[in-house]
N, C-alpha and C. Protein backbone atom coordinates (compact mmCIF):
# COMPACT_ATOMS: atom_id res chain seq x y z
N LEU A 1 137.11 95.64 127.40
CA LEU A 1 136.37 96.56 128.08
C LEU A 1 135.80 96.54 129.76
N ARG A 2 135.85 94.95 130.13
CA ARG A 2 136.03 94.81 131.53
C ARG A 2 136.62 95.74 132.28
N GLN A 3 137.97 95.91 131.84
CA GLN A 3 139.05 96.38 132.83
C GLN A 3 138.95 98.03 132.87
N GLU A 4 138.44 98.26 131.42
CA GLU A 4 138.34 100.15 131.33
C GLU A 4 136.89 100.25 132.39
N VAL A 5 136.16 99.32 132.66
CA VAL A 5 134.97 99.94 133.44
C VAL A 5 135.13 100.28 134.72
N PHE A 6 136.38 99.50 135.19
CA PHE A 6 136.64 99.28 136.67
C PHE A 6 137.64 100.38 136.72
N GLU A 7 138.88 100.69 135.70
CA GLU A 7 139.93 101.54 136.14
C GLU A 7 139.68 102.81 135.44
N ALA A 8 138.92 103.31 134.10
CA ALA A 8 138.62 104.59 133.94
C ALA A 8 138.15 105.29 135.15
N GLN A 9 139.32 106.81 135.08
CA GLN A 9 138.80 107.72 136.20
C GLN A 9 137.76 108.32 135.96
N ALA A 10 137.08 108.35 134.67
CA ALA A 10 135.69 108.92 134.71
C ALA A 10 134.89 107.69 133.70
N PHE A 11 133.79 107.74 133.40
CA PHE A 11 132.69 106.69 132.85
C PHE A 11 131.46 107.71 132.56
N LEU A 12 131.92 107.80 131.33
CA LEU A 12 130.37 108.48 130.61
C LEU A 12 129.33 107.61 130.23
N ALA A 13 128.20 108.00 130.40
CA ALA A 13 127.37 106.95 129.94
C ALA A 13 126.24 107.99 128.92
N LEU A 14 126.13 107.38 127.57
CA LEU A 14 125.59 108.46 126.93
C LEU A 14 124.32 107.51 126.40
N LEU A 15 123.20 107.91 127.05
CA LEU A 15 121.98 107.10 127.00
C LEU A 15 120.39 107.45 126.21
N SER A 16 120.35 106.73 125.25
CA SER A 16 119.33 106.84 124.59
C SER A 16 117.98 106.38 124.90
N PRO A 17 117.24 106.49 124.05
CA PRO A 17 115.71 105.68 124.36
C PRO A 17 116.07 104.13 124.03
N ILE A 18 117.10 103.83 123.24
CA ILE A 18 117.49 102.40 122.70
C ILE A 18 118.64 102.18 123.37
N SER A 19 119.30 102.69 123.98
CA SER A 19 120.29 102.18 124.77
C SER A 19 120.06 101.47 126.01
N ILE A 20 119.23 102.01 126.68
CA ILE A 20 118.55 102.11 127.73
C ILE A 20 118.13 100.76 128.01
N GLN A 21 117.39 100.24 126.65
CA GLN A 21 116.87 99.27 126.51
C GLN A 21 117.89 97.49 126.22
N SER A 22 119.12 98.04 126.14
CA SER A 22 120.01 97.30 125.94
C SER A 22 120.88 96.31 127.34
N ILE A 23 120.30 95.17 127.34
CA ILE A 23 120.89 94.31 128.54
C ILE A 23 122.32 94.95 128.58
N TYR A 24 123.11 94.45 127.73
CA TYR A 24 124.88 94.81 128.05
C TYR A 24 124.99 96.18 128.28
N VAL A 25 124.33 97.18 128.03
CA VAL A 25 124.21 98.37 128.40
C VAL A 25 124.38 98.89 130.00
N MET A 26 123.38 98.11 130.04
CA MET A 26 123.23 98.25 131.70
C MET A 26 123.78 97.36 132.53
N PHE A 27 124.47 95.97 132.14
CA PHE A 27 125.10 95.76 132.68
C PHE A 27 126.27 96.14 133.29
N GLU A 28 127.13 96.99 132.12
CA GLU A 28 128.31 97.62 132.21
C GLU A 28 128.04 98.86 133.05
N LEU A 29 126.94 99.11 133.13
CA LEU A 29 126.30 100.65 133.70
C LEU A 29 126.80 100.17 135.40
N GLY A 30 125.82 98.88 135.78
CA GLY A 30 125.59 98.26 136.70
C GLY A 30 127.28 98.01 137.61
N ALA A 31 128.14 97.47 136.45
CA ALA A 31 129.30 97.12 136.73
C ALA A 31 129.67 98.23 137.44
N ARG A 32 129.85 99.47 136.96
CA ARG A 32 130.86 100.58 137.20
C ARG A 32 130.13 101.24 138.76
N TRP A 33 128.78 101.33 138.46
CA TRP A 33 128.14 101.80 139.88
C TRP A 33 128.17 101.15 140.90
N GLY A 34 128.45 99.32 140.64
CA GLY A 34 128.81 98.60 141.49
C GLY A 34 130.36 98.99 142.33
N ALA A 35 131.24 99.29 141.40
CA ALA A 35 132.39 99.60 141.72
C ALA A 35 132.60 100.60 142.76
N LYS A 36 131.51 101.61 142.32
CA LYS A 36 131.40 103.17 143.19
C LYS A 36 132.43 103.52 142.49
N ARG A 37 132.70 103.99 141.32
CA ARG A 37 133.83 104.65 140.77
C ARG A 37 132.63 105.81 139.99
N TYR A 38 133.57 106.84 139.48
CA TYR A 38 132.58 108.12 139.27
C TYR A 38 131.91 107.77 137.77
N LEU A 39 130.89 107.88 137.75
CA LEU A 39 129.71 107.06 136.62
C LEU A 39 129.11 108.52 136.09
N ALA A 40 128.71 109.46 134.72
CA ALA A 40 128.16 110.38 134.39
C ALA A 40 126.89 110.09 133.53
N PRO A 41 125.63 109.83 133.84
CA PRO A 41 124.86 109.10 132.59
C PRO A 41 124.60 110.64 132.18
N VAL A 42 124.32 110.48 130.73
CA VAL A 42 124.18 111.81 129.91
C VAL A 42 122.81 111.26 129.18
N THR A 43 121.97 112.18 129.53
CA THR A 43 120.65 111.34 128.46
C THR A 43 120.82 111.87 127.03
N VAL A 44 120.42 111.37 125.84
CA VAL A 44 120.53 112.05 124.70
C VAL A 44 118.90 111.63 123.80
N ALA A 45 118.57 112.25 122.72
CA ALA A 45 118.24 111.48 121.64
C ALA A 45 116.42 111.70 122.36
N GLY A 46 116.28 112.73 123.34
CA GLY A 46 115.27 113.06 123.44
C GLY A 46 114.74 111.57 124.89
N LEU A 47 116.19 111.13 125.53
CA LEU A 47 115.47 110.97 126.81
C LEU A 47 115.65 111.17 127.72
N PRO A 48 114.66 111.41 128.55
CA PRO A 48 114.63 112.60 129.67
C PRO A 48 115.08 111.42 130.80
N PRO A 49 115.99 112.15 132.18
CA PRO A 49 116.51 111.71 133.31
C PRO A 49 115.27 110.88 133.73
N SER A 50 114.47 111.19 134.00
CA SER A 50 113.11 111.04 134.86
C SER A 50 112.73 109.05 134.10
N ALA A 51 114.01 109.13 132.91
CA ALA A 51 113.22 107.91 132.59
C ALA A 51 114.15 106.73 133.18
N LEU A 52 115.55 106.82 133.38
CA LEU A 52 116.40 106.06 134.13
C LEU A 52 115.82 105.45 135.42
N LYS A 53 115.99 104.55 135.86
CA LYS A 53 115.53 103.61 137.06
C LYS A 53 116.76 103.70 137.63
N ALA A 54 116.26 102.94 139.35
CA ALA A 54 117.34 102.50 140.15
C ALA A 54 118.35 101.79 139.54
N PRO A 55 119.63 101.70 139.96
CA PRO A 55 120.30 102.57 141.02
C PRO A 55 120.65 104.00 140.18
N LEU A 56 120.45 103.81 138.82
CA LEU A 56 120.40 105.50 137.75
C LEU A 56 120.24 106.13 138.15
N SER A 57 118.95 106.30 138.32
CA SER A 57 117.85 107.53 139.06
C SER A 57 118.43 107.96 140.31
N ALA A 58 119.54 107.23 141.06
CA ALA A 58 119.89 108.29 142.16
C ALA A 58 121.28 108.71 141.77
N ILE A 59 121.36 109.17 140.47
CA ILE A 59 122.69 109.80 140.38
C ILE A 59 122.52 111.08 139.49
N HIS A 60 122.57 111.94 139.69
CA HIS A 60 122.57 113.42 138.77
C HIS A 60 122.60 113.06 137.21
N ALA A 61 121.77 112.98 136.45
CA ALA A 61 121.95 112.64 134.96
C ALA A 61 122.47 114.11 134.39
N VAL A 62 123.07 114.38 133.31
CA VAL A 62 122.82 115.34 133.22
C VAL A 62 122.52 115.19 131.20
N THR A 63 121.61 116.32 131.27
CA THR A 63 120.60 116.64 129.72
C THR A 63 121.64 116.65 128.71
N GLY A 64 121.78 115.76 127.70
CA GLY A 64 122.40 116.30 126.64
C GLY A 64 122.51 117.49 125.96
N THR A 65 121.26 118.24 125.90
CA THR A 65 120.72 119.09 125.37
C THR A 65 120.67 120.12 126.16
N SER A 66 121.40 120.21 127.04
CA SER A 66 121.19 121.23 128.30
C SER A 66 122.48 122.19 128.28
N GLU A 67 122.62 123.35 127.61
CA GLU A 67 124.22 124.00 127.71
C GLU A 67 124.77 123.77 129.20
N GLY A 68 123.84 124.55 130.18
CA GLY A 68 124.00 124.49 131.35
C GLY A 68 124.79 123.02 132.07
N ASP A 69 123.80 122.30 131.59
CA ASP A 69 124.42 121.10 132.70
C ASP A 69 125.72 120.11 131.73
N LEU A 70 126.23 120.51 130.33
CA LEU A 70 127.06 119.95 129.60
C LEU A 70 127.98 121.11 130.27
N HIS A 71 128.11 122.37 130.46
CA HIS A 71 128.98 122.94 131.20
C HIS A 71 129.12 122.46 132.37
N GLN A 72 128.28 121.97 133.53
CA GLN A 72 128.80 121.48 134.41
C GLN A 72 129.87 120.10 134.74
N LEU A 73 128.98 119.24 133.59
CA LEU A 73 129.76 117.86 133.43
C LEU A 73 131.16 118.16 133.04
N ILE A 74 131.43 118.91 132.34
CA ILE A 74 132.79 119.40 131.44
C ILE A 74 133.72 120.35 133.10
N ASP A 75 132.92 120.95 134.05
CA ASP A 75 133.51 121.66 134.87
C ASP A 75 134.03 120.39 135.83
N THR A 76 132.94 119.10 136.31
CA THR A 76 133.31 118.33 136.92
C THR A 76 133.95 117.23 136.65
N LEU A 77 133.95 116.90 135.49
CA LEU A 77 135.09 116.17 134.98
C LEU A 77 136.81 117.00 134.87
N SER A 78 137.11 117.88 134.62
CA SER A 78 138.16 118.52 134.66
C SER A 78 138.84 118.36 135.71
N GLU A 79 138.02 118.76 137.02
CA GLU A 79 138.48 118.71 138.43
C GLU A 79 138.66 117.13 139.02
N ARG A 80 137.75 116.28 138.27
CA ARG A 80 138.05 114.95 139.04
C ARG A 80 139.57 114.27 137.83
N LEU A 81 139.66 114.87 136.72
CA LEU A 81 140.94 114.41 135.56
C LEU A 81 142.29 115.16 135.90
N ASP A 82 142.15 116.24 137.11
CA ASP A 82 143.31 117.31 137.39
C ASP A 82 143.78 117.99 135.97
N LEU A 83 142.58 118.40 135.40
CA LEU A 83 142.92 119.29 133.68
C LEU A 83 142.91 120.63 133.94
């Protein structure tokens, strides 16, 4: 997992009210953020983007229930991955 956190071209984080309480999830996200690589937080299970704390709050979080946000995420990923 350590290698993938740093080497993946895109990193999607599905964040729920439970997952943001996990020290392991936050550690992995912090590692990715610290590597200055593309990170896309996606809030699910009713978690509002406003619940994210710094430094994640500085990254535009995609709302997993928003069709518009999800389309934008797909467009961004296709550009970053040359698809």
